[in-house]
Amino acid sequence: MRARDVARRTGLWLLGAGALALAVAITAAPVPVARAAQEGTPATPTVSLTLNEALARALARSADVELARVAVEEKDLAVTEAQVGEAEGQARRELRQALQDREVARNGFLSAVYGVAVQVEESYYDLLRQRETLSVRSQTLQQARRQLQLAEARFKAGMISRQELSEAKDAAQSAQEGVDQANRALSVAQATLRALVGLEPGAPFTPADSVPLELIEPDLEAGLESALANRREIREAEAAVRFAREQVQASDNPYTPPVELQRAKLALRRAELQLQQAQDKVAGEVRSQWVQLSAARQKVEATRRARELAASRLAIAQARYDAGQIAMLDLLKAQADDASARLEAVGAVWDYNLQKARWLRAIATAPLPPLPPELKQWMAAWQDGRERVEP
């Protein structure tokens, strides 16, 4: 399947993120309504935030995007001035240069938009990942506490040794530490996304998107073709070559000093070499992302098998322990192995989805993120002024 078809089917901004090919329902953390009511303060409502909404909010407040927009508007003024100058008899070269500079500024604006979108997307999915990690660790803690209660009852009945009881306590303590660590990571992820989208510190919100994992088969050759045809740095370098070639044509006449023509030819050679550098860099990046995406898919499948095996081993260990055939230490080890396998599987899924996003960006098939209405209207006016000036 070609990379463009894959991108249209999957969509960069709503990538699959359910662990182990299942949809993961993400629910909001409880809001402290009772305490707020006791203090006579109305509770802050929880904001349900989709990825598209997070992207639009972040783009609307990004200083990087606004600075890039100012740069484009400055180049718009330069184009207008060059057009006036040409009408007054100035050389067309000034207008060609102004148009080229504006195209570079517009590409810079798009780069700023995609840069913010990458930050938001990765922060959003990191938050989902930490929520799911906390869920797995909480389940592990509940299991460890139940096991500790059974161990205490059996110890009182003289059925297990003090050492086995101590091991059950250690397992419960370790599980609690895992939950505490997951809560800290979740708090950091929440604060990061909250700052990006402009929510007040501590404002309650919950990610609203939840879709199943979708594995793709990346086509390296199609990806290279797409990237070399559509990446912004390639288009910018190609435009520089066209401009330099026009300068050579404009200087190749009996009225231009030979040194000017030679200078224009050297500028053309430089632009051609810079285009080759950009093509080589992009091709290398695409190949690297292809390798990493293939490895991420293999890890998803490997961790899924490991999780199934660990769950099977735990079921067997539990049955044998209940039958008095193994010690508690063996059961606790099987439980720890199962928890570790589940966490590895969750991590592999999220790693895969982030890597898939990077692949789609590398091959330039990712759609433009959802823009605030004001920015969308401003960009629609870009179709004006795309005139070509012949030498």
Protein backbone atom coordinates (compact mmCIF):
# COMPACT_ATOMS: atom_id res chain seq x y z
CA MET A 1 0.00 0.00 0.00
CA ARG A 2 1.36 3.43 -0.92
CA ALA A 3 2.22 5.86 1.84
CA ARG A 4 -0.39 8.44 0.75
CA ASP A 5 -3.15 5.83 0.92
CA VAL A 6 -2.00 4.82 4.37
CA ALA A 7 -2.03 8.43 5.52
CA ARG A 8 -5.54 9.01 4.23
CA ARG A 9 -6.76 5.89 6.01
CA THR A 10 -5.08 6.49 9.30
CA GLY A 11 -4.76 10.28 9.60
CA LEU A 12 -1.85 11.77 11.49
CA TRP A 13 -3.79 13.66 14.08
CA LEU A 14 -6.05 10.82 15.22
CA LEU A 15 -3.58 7.96 15.35
CA GLY A 16 -4.58 4.64 16.88
CA ALA A 17 -3.53 4.43 20.48
CA GLY A 18 -5.43 1.58 22.14
CA ALA A 19 -3.22 -0.87 23.93
CA LEU A 20 -2.99 -4.36 22.45
CA ALA A 21 -5.42 -3.54 19.63
CA LEU A 22 -8.23 -2.64 22.00
CA ALA A 23 -9.95 0.73 22.41
CA VAL A 24 -8.89 2.26 25.68
CA ALA A 25 -11.54 4.35 27.38
CA ILE A 26 -9.90 7.34 29.03
CA THR A 27 -11.94 8.81 31.82
CA ALA A 28 -11.49 12.01 33.74
CA ALA A 29 -9.86 12.12 37.15
CA PRO A 30 -12.45 12.89 39.84
CA VAL A 31 -12.96 16.56 40.49
CA PRO A 32 -12.92 17.58 44.17
CA VAL A 33 -16.55 18.63 44.17
CA ALA A 34 -17.19 17.80 47.84
CA ARG A 35 -14.37 19.98 49.12
CA ALA A 36 -15.39 22.84 46.84
CA ALA A 37 -18.97 22.59 48.09
CA GLN A 38 -17.80 22.63 51.69
CA GLU A 39 -15.83 25.80 51.07
CA GLY A 40 -18.75 27.44 49.23
CA THR A 41 -16.80 27.63 45.95
CA PRO A 42 -18.34 26.22 42.75
CA ALA A 43 -16.35 23.31 41.32
CA THR A 44 -14.42 23.99 38.11
CA PRO A 45 -15.96 21.95 35.31
CA THR A 46 -13.76 19.35 33.67
CA VAL A 47 -12.81 20.19 30.09
CA SER A 48 -13.14 17.28 27.66
CA LEU A 49 -10.39 17.85 25.10
CA THR A 50 -10.03 16.08 21.75
CA LEU A 51 -6.68 16.10 19.99
CA ASN A 52 -7.99 18.42 17.27
CA GLU A 53 -9.27 20.84 19.91
CA ALA A 54 -5.92 20.74 21.68
CA LEU A 55 -4.12 21.47 18.41
CA ALA A 56 -6.36 24.42 17.57
CA ARG A 57 -6.00 25.92 21.05
CA ALA A 58 -2.22 25.57 21.01
CA LEU A 59 -1.86 27.09 17.53
CA ALA A 60 -4.05 30.05 18.49
CA ARG A 61 -1.72 31.01 21.35
CA SER A 62 1.70 29.94 20.07
CA ALA A 63 4.33 32.71 20.04
CA ASP A 64 6.38 30.73 17.49
CA VAL A 65 3.45 30.66 15.07
CA GLU A 66 2.71 34.35 15.58
CA LEU A 67 6.36 35.31 15.00
CA ALA A 68 6.41 33.27 11.80
CA ARG A 69 3.21 35.02 10.70
CA VAL A 70 4.80 38.42 11.31
CA ALA A 71 7.74 37.36 9.14
CA VAL A 72 5.36 36.47 6.30
CA GLU A 73 3.55 39.79 6.59
CA GLU A 74 6.89 41.62 6.44
CA LYS A 75 7.71 39.79 3.22
CA ASP A 76 4.24 40.68 1.87
CA LEU A 77 5.15 44.34 2.34
CA ALA A 78 8.48 43.77 0.61
CA VAL A 79 6.68 42.23 -2.38
CA THR A 80 4.33 45.21 -2.57
CA GLU A 81 7.26 47.60 -2.47
CA ALA A 82 9.05 45.64 -5.19
CA GLN A 83 5.95 45.68 -7.38
CA VAL A 84 5.75 49.46 -7.01
CA GLY A 85 9.46 49.72 -7.76
CA GLU A 86 9.10 47.68 -10.91
CA ALA A 87 6.27 49.95 -12.08
CA GLU A 88 8.67 52.85 -11.55
CA GLY A 89 11.37 51.23 -13.67
CA GLN A 90 13.42 49.18 -11.22
CA ALA A 91 14.90 45.86 -12.31
CA ARG A 92 12.64 42.82 -12.19
CA ARG A 93 15.31 41.03 -10.19
CA GLU A 94 14.16 42.87 -7.05
CA LEU A 95 10.61 41.58 -7.43
CA ARG A 96 11.79 38.03 -8.13
CA GLN A 97 13.91 38.15 -4.99
CA ALA A 98 11.01 39.51 -2.92
CA LEU A 99 8.71 36.74 -4.14
CA GLN A 100 11.34 34.13 -3.36
CA ASP A 101 11.85 35.54 0.14
CA ARG A 102 8.11 35.50 0.79
CA GLU A 103 7.88 31.85 -0.24
CA VAL A 104 10.67 31.03 2.21
CA ALA A 105 8.80 32.91 4.96
CA ARG A 106 5.59 31.02 4.19
CA ASN A 107 7.44 27.73 4.41
CA GLY A 108 8.83 28.92 7.73
CA PHE A 109 5.31 29.61 8.94
CA LEU A 110 4.19 26.10 7.97
CA SER A 111 7.23 24.68 9.76
CA ALA A 112 6.22 26.58 12.90
CA VAL A 113 2.67 25.23 12.65
CA TYR A 114 3.88 21.66 12.28
CA GLY A 115 6.40 22.17 15.08
CA VAL A 116 3.67 23.17 17.52
CA ALA A 117 1.46 20.35 16.28
CA VAL A 118 4.22 17.81 16.93
CA GLN A 119 4.61 19.08 20.50
CA VAL A 120 0.88 18.90 21.17
CA GLU A 121 0.42 15.51 19.56
CA GLU A 122 3.26 13.89 21.45
CA SER A 123 2.16 15.49 24.73
CA TYR A 124 -1.42 14.37 24.19
CA TYR A 125 -0.45 10.77 23.57
CA ASP A 126 2.06 10.81 26.40
CA LEU A 127 -0.81 11.80 28.68
CA LEU A 128 -2.89 8.89 27.39
CA ARG A 129 0.08 6.60 27.89
CA GLN A 130 0.57 7.71 31.49
CA ARG A 131 -3.15 7.25 32.18
CA GLU A 132 -2.99 3.71 30.90
CA THR A 133 0.23 3.00 32.77
CA LEU A 134 -1.40 4.20 35.98
CA SER A 135 -4.35 1.91 35.31
CA VAL A 136 -2.08 -1.12 34.91
CA ARG A 137 -0.08 -0.26 38.02
CA SER A 138 -3.28 0.29 40.02
CA GLN A 139 -4.51 -3.16 39.02
CA THR A 140 -1.17 -4.59 40.08
CA LEU A 141 -1.46 -2.86 43.44
CA GLN A 142 -4.96 -4.24 44.02
CA GLN A 143 -3.71 -7.70 43.20
CA ALA A 144 -0.73 -7.31 45.56
CA ARG A 145 -2.98 -6.12 48.38
CA ARG A 146 -5.34 -9.05 47.94
CA GLN A 147 -2.36 -11.39 47.99
CA LEU A 148 -1.09 -9.73 51.15
CA GLN A 149 -4.46 -10.18 52.87
CA LEU A 150 -4.44 -13.87 51.97
CA ALA A 151 -0.84 -14.19 53.16
CA GLU A 152 -1.69 -12.60 56.52
CA ALA A 153 -4.64 -14.96 56.96
CA ARG A 154 -2.53 -17.99 56.08
CA PHE A 155 0.28 -16.85 58.35
CA LYS A 156 -2.13 -16.57 61.27
CA ALA A 157 -3.36 -20.05 60.47
CA GLY A 158 0.23 -21.34 60.45
CA MET A 159 0.12 -22.26 56.76
CA ILE A 160 3.05 -20.10 55.56
CA SER A 161 6.32 -18.89 57.03
CA ARG A 162 7.17 -15.41 58.24
CA GLN A 163 9.53 -15.09 55.26
CA GLU A 164 6.67 -15.65 52.83
CA LEU A 165 4.58 -13.04 54.64
CA SER A 166 7.47 -10.59 54.41
CA GLU A 167 7.75 -11.24 50.68
CA ALA A 168 4.04 -10.48 50.23
CA LYS A 169 4.48 -7.21 52.14
CA ASP A 170 7.46 -6.27 49.98
CA ALA A 171 5.45 -6.97 46.82
CA ALA A 172 2.61 -4.75 48.03
CA GLN A 173 5.04 -1.97 48.93
CA SER A 174 6.70 -2.21 45.52
CA ALA A 175 3.32 -2.02 43.80
CA GLN A 176 2.44 1.07 45.83
CA GLU A 177 5.69 2.72 44.80
CA GLY A 178 4.86 1.94 41.18
CA VAL A 179 1.47 3.66 41.54
CA ASP A 180 3.10 6.69 43.18
CA GLN A 181 5.61 6.91 40.34
CA ALA A 182 2.83 6.61 37.73
CA ASN A 183 0.87 9.37 39.45
CA ARG A 184 3.88 11.68 39.33
CA ALA A 185 4.43 10.96 35.64
CA LEU A 186 0.75 11.59 34.99
CA SER A 187 0.90 14.93 36.78
CA VAL A 188 3.86 16.01 34.65
CA ALA A 189 2.09 14.95 31.45
CA GLN A 190 -1.05 16.84 32.46
CA ALA A 191 0.91 19.99 33.29
CA THR A 192 2.79 19.85 29.97
CA LEU A 193 -0.33 19.56 27.84
CA ARG A 194 -2.21 22.08 29.99
CA ALA A 195 0.51 24.67 29.36
CA LEU A 196 0.59 24.00 25.61
CA VAL A 197 -3.15 24.50 25.14
CA GLY A 198 -3.43 27.47 27.50
CA LEU A 199 -5.45 26.01 30.36
CA GLU A 200 -5.02 27.49 33.82
CA PRO A 201 -2.58 25.65 36.13
CA GLY A 202 -4.47 22.88 37.87
CA ALA A 203 -7.55 23.22 35.65
CA PRO A 204 -9.21 19.79 35.35
CA PHE A 205 -9.41 18.30 31.87
CA THR A 206 -9.53 14.89 30.25
CA PRO A 207 -8.43 13.66 26.81
CA ALA A 208 -11.51 12.63 24.88
CA ASP A 209 -10.04 10.59 22.02
CA SER A 210 -9.86 6.79 22.20
CA VAL A 211 -9.36 4.66 19.07
CA PRO A 212 -7.91 1.19 18.44
CA LEU A 213 -4.37 0.48 17.36
CA GLU A 214 -3.85 0.21 13.60
CA LEU A 215 -0.66 -1.34 12.24
CA ILE A 216 0.53 -0.27 8.79
CA GLU A 217 2.98 -1.66 6.23
CA PRO A 218 5.28 1.28 5.35
CA ASP A 219 6.40 1.36 1.71
CA LEU A 220 9.95 2.71 1.62
CA GLU A 221 10.07 3.49 -2.09
CA ALA A 222 6.69 5.23 -2.08
CA GLY A 223 7.72 7.11 1.04
CA LEU A 224 10.93 8.34 -0.58
CA GLU A 225 9.02 9.46 -3.66
CA SER A 226 6.47 11.34 -1.58
CA ALA A 227 9.07 13.02 0.63
CA LEU A 228 11.27 14.16 -2.25
CA ALA A 229 8.24 15.60 -4.04
CA ASN A 230 6.51 17.29 -1.11
CA ARG A 231 8.87 18.10 1.77
CA ARG A 232 9.03 21.85 2.34
CA GLU A 233 12.82 22.04 2.46
CA ILE A 234 12.99 20.31 -0.93
CA ARG A 235 10.45 22.68 -2.47
CA GLU A 236 12.31 25.65 -1.02
CA ALA A 237 15.64 24.44 -2.43
CA GLU A 238 14.02 23.81 -5.81
CA ALA A 239 12.62 27.34 -5.81
CA ALA A 240 16.10 28.68 -5.05
CA VAL A 241 17.46 26.78 -8.05
CA ARG A 242 14.74 28.21 -10.30
CA PHE A 243 15.48 31.72 -9.08
CA ALA A 244 19.22 31.28 -9.62
CA ARG A 245 18.60 29.92 -13.12
CA GLU A 246 16.46 32.93 -13.93
CA GLN A 247 19.28 35.17 -12.73
CA VAL A 248 21.66 33.44 -15.12
CA GLN A 249 19.23 33.92 -18.01
CA ALA A 250 18.71 37.57 -17.12
CA SER A 251 22.49 38.17 -16.99
CA ASP A 252 23.30 36.36 -20.24
CA ASN A 253 23.12 39.31 -22.63
CA PRO A 254 25.51 41.77 -24.30
CA TYR A 255 24.66 44.53 -21.81
CA THR A 256 25.59 42.76 -18.57
CA PRO A 257 29.25 42.70 -17.45
CA PRO A 258 30.79 39.21 -17.72
CA VAL A 259 31.61 39.20 -14.01
CA GLU A 260 27.89 39.49 -13.21
CA LEU A 261 27.12 36.50 -15.42
CA GLN A 262 29.89 34.48 -13.76
CA ARG A 263 28.58 35.43 -10.34
CA ALA A 264 25.08 34.31 -11.34
CA LYS A 265 26.43 30.97 -12.58
CA LEU A 266 28.24 30.39 -9.29
CA ALA A 267 25.04 31.18 -7.39
CA LEU A 268 23.21 28.64 -9.55
CA ARG A 269 25.84 26.01 -8.82
CA ARG A 270 25.56 26.71 -5.10
CA ALA A 271 21.75 26.39 -5.23
CA GLU A 272 22.01 23.09 -7.10
CA LEU A 273 24.42 21.68 -4.52
CA GLN A 274 22.16 22.84 -1.67
CA LEU A 275 19.23 21.09 -3.35
CA GLN A 276 21.28 17.90 -3.54
CA GLN A 277 22.16 18.24 0.15
CA ALA A 278 18.47 18.67 1.05
CA GLN A 279 17.48 15.63 -1.02
CA ASP A 280 20.17 13.47 0.58
CA LYS A 281 19.18 14.61 4.09
CA VAL A 282 15.48 13.94 3.51
CA ALA A 283 16.14 10.53 1.94
CA GLY A 284 18.31 9.56 4.91
CA GLU A 285 15.65 10.65 7.35
CA VAL A 286 12.94 8.67 5.54
CA ARG A 287 15.06 5.51 5.53
CA SER A 288 15.82 5.95 9.24
CA GLN A 289 12.13 6.44 10.10
CA TRP A 290 11.22 3.39 8.03
CA VAL A 291 13.68 1.24 9.97
CA GLN A 292 12.43 2.58 13.31
CA LEU A 293 8.77 2.07 12.40
CA SER A 294 9.46 -1.51 11.31
CA ALA A 295 11.27 -2.17 14.58
CA ALA A 296 8.43 -0.59 16.57
CA ARG A 297 5.92 -2.89 14.89
CA GLN A 298 8.02 -5.94 15.69
CA LYS A 299 8.18 -4.81 19.31
CA VAL A 300 4.38 -4.47 19.47
CA GLU A 301 3.97 -8.03 18.25
CA ALA A 302 6.75 -9.38 20.48
CA THR A 303 5.43 -7.71 23.64
CA ARG A 304 1.92 -8.89 22.85
CA ARG A 305 3.12 -12.49 22.70
CA ALA A 306 5.16 -11.97 25.89
CA ARG A 307 2.10 -10.60 27.66
CA GLU A 308 -0.03 -13.57 26.64
CA LEU A 309 2.69 -15.96 27.80
CA ALA A 310 3.10 -14.16 31.14
CA ALA A 311 -0.67 -14.23 31.73
CA SER A 312 -0.72 -17.96 31.01
CA ARG A 313 2.19 -18.58 33.36
CA LEU A 314 0.50 -16.56 36.09
CA ALA A 315 -2.70 -18.58 35.76
CA ILE A 316 -0.70 -21.79 36.09
CA ALA A 317 1.28 -20.45 39.05
CA GLN A 318 -1.93 -19.35 40.80
CA ALA A 319 -3.48 -22.78 40.33
CA ARG A 320 -0.36 -24.53 41.60
CA TYR A 321 -0.10 -22.19 44.58
CA ASP A 322 -3.73 -22.77 45.49
CA ALA A 323 -3.01 -26.51 45.34
CA GLY A 324 -0.01 -26.08 47.65
CA GLN A 325 2.49 -27.15 44.99
CA ILE A 326 4.66 -24.00 44.92
CA ALA A 327 5.78 -21.39 47.45
CA MET A 328 4.39 -17.89 47.64
CA LEU A 329 7.67 -16.51 46.29
CA ASP A 330 7.06 -18.33 43.00
CA LEU A 331 3.55 -16.90 42.77
CA LEU A 332 4.76 -13.38 43.52
CA LYS A 333 7.41 -13.70 40.82
CA ALA A 334 4.78 -14.79 38.29
CA GLN A 335 2.61 -11.82 39.27
CA ALA A 336 5.54 -9.42 38.88
CA ASP A 337 6.41 -10.90 35.48
CA ASP A 338 2.80 -10.48 34.36
CA ALA A 339 2.70 -6.84 35.47
CA SER A 340 6.00 -6.14 33.74
CA ALA A 341 4.79 -7.76 30.52
CA ARG A 342 1.59 -5.68 30.55
CA LEU A 343 3.57 -2.46 31.02
CA GLU A 344 5.94 -3.41 28.22
CA ALA A 345 3.01 -4.10 25.91
CA VAL A 346 1.38 -0.77 26.73
CA GLY A 347 4.65 1.08 26.14
CA ALA A 348 5.25 -0.69 22.83
CA VAL A 349 1.83 0.36 21.53
CA TRP A 350 2.37 4.01 22.38
CA ASP A 351 5.92 3.94 21.02
CA TYR A 352 4.57 2.49 17.78
CA ASN A 353 1.94 5.17 17.36
CA LEU A 354 4.39 7.97 17.95
CA GLN A 355 6.81 6.39 15.50
CA LYS A 356 4.01 6.04 12.95
CA ALA A 357 3.31 9.75 13.34
CA ARG A 358 6.98 10.54 12.72
CA TRP A 359 6.98 8.34 9.62
CA LEU A 360 3.96 10.09 8.15
CA ARG A 361 5.56 13.46 8.81
CA ALA A 362 8.84 12.33 7.27
CA ILE A 363 7.16 11.29 4.01
CA ALA A 364 5.09 14.51 3.92
CA THR A 365 1.69 12.85 3.82
CA ALA A 366 0.45 14.30 7.10
CA PRO A 367 -2.41 16.77 6.62
CA LEU A 368 -2.18 20.29 7.93
CA PRO A 369 -3.39 20.30 11.55
CA PRO A 370 -6.74 21.96 12.30
CA LEU A 371 -6.19 25.71 12.34
CA PRO A 372 -8.04 28.38 14.28
CA PRO A 373 -10.55 30.14 11.96
CA GLU A 374 -8.56 33.38 11.88
CA LEU A 375 -5.37 31.63 10.76
CA LYS A 376 -7.26 29.55 8.22
CA GLN A 377 -8.74 32.69 6.65
CA TRP A 378 -5.35 34.40 6.60
CA MET A 379 -3.71 31.44 4.84
CA ALA A 380 -6.52 31.31 2.26
CA ALA A 381 -5.28 34.68 1.00
CA TRP A 382 -1.92 33.13 0.11
CA GLN A 383 -3.26 32.27 -3.30
CA ASP A 384 -2.99 35.97 -4.06
CA GLY A 385 0.39 37.11 -5.19
CA ARG A 386 1.77 33.76 -6.40
CA GLU A 387 2.63 35.31 -9.71
CA ARG A 388 5.73 34.20 -11.59
CA VAL A 389 7.96 36.96 -12.95
CA GLU A 390 9.62 36.03 -16.20
CA PRO A 391 13.24 37.10 -16.71
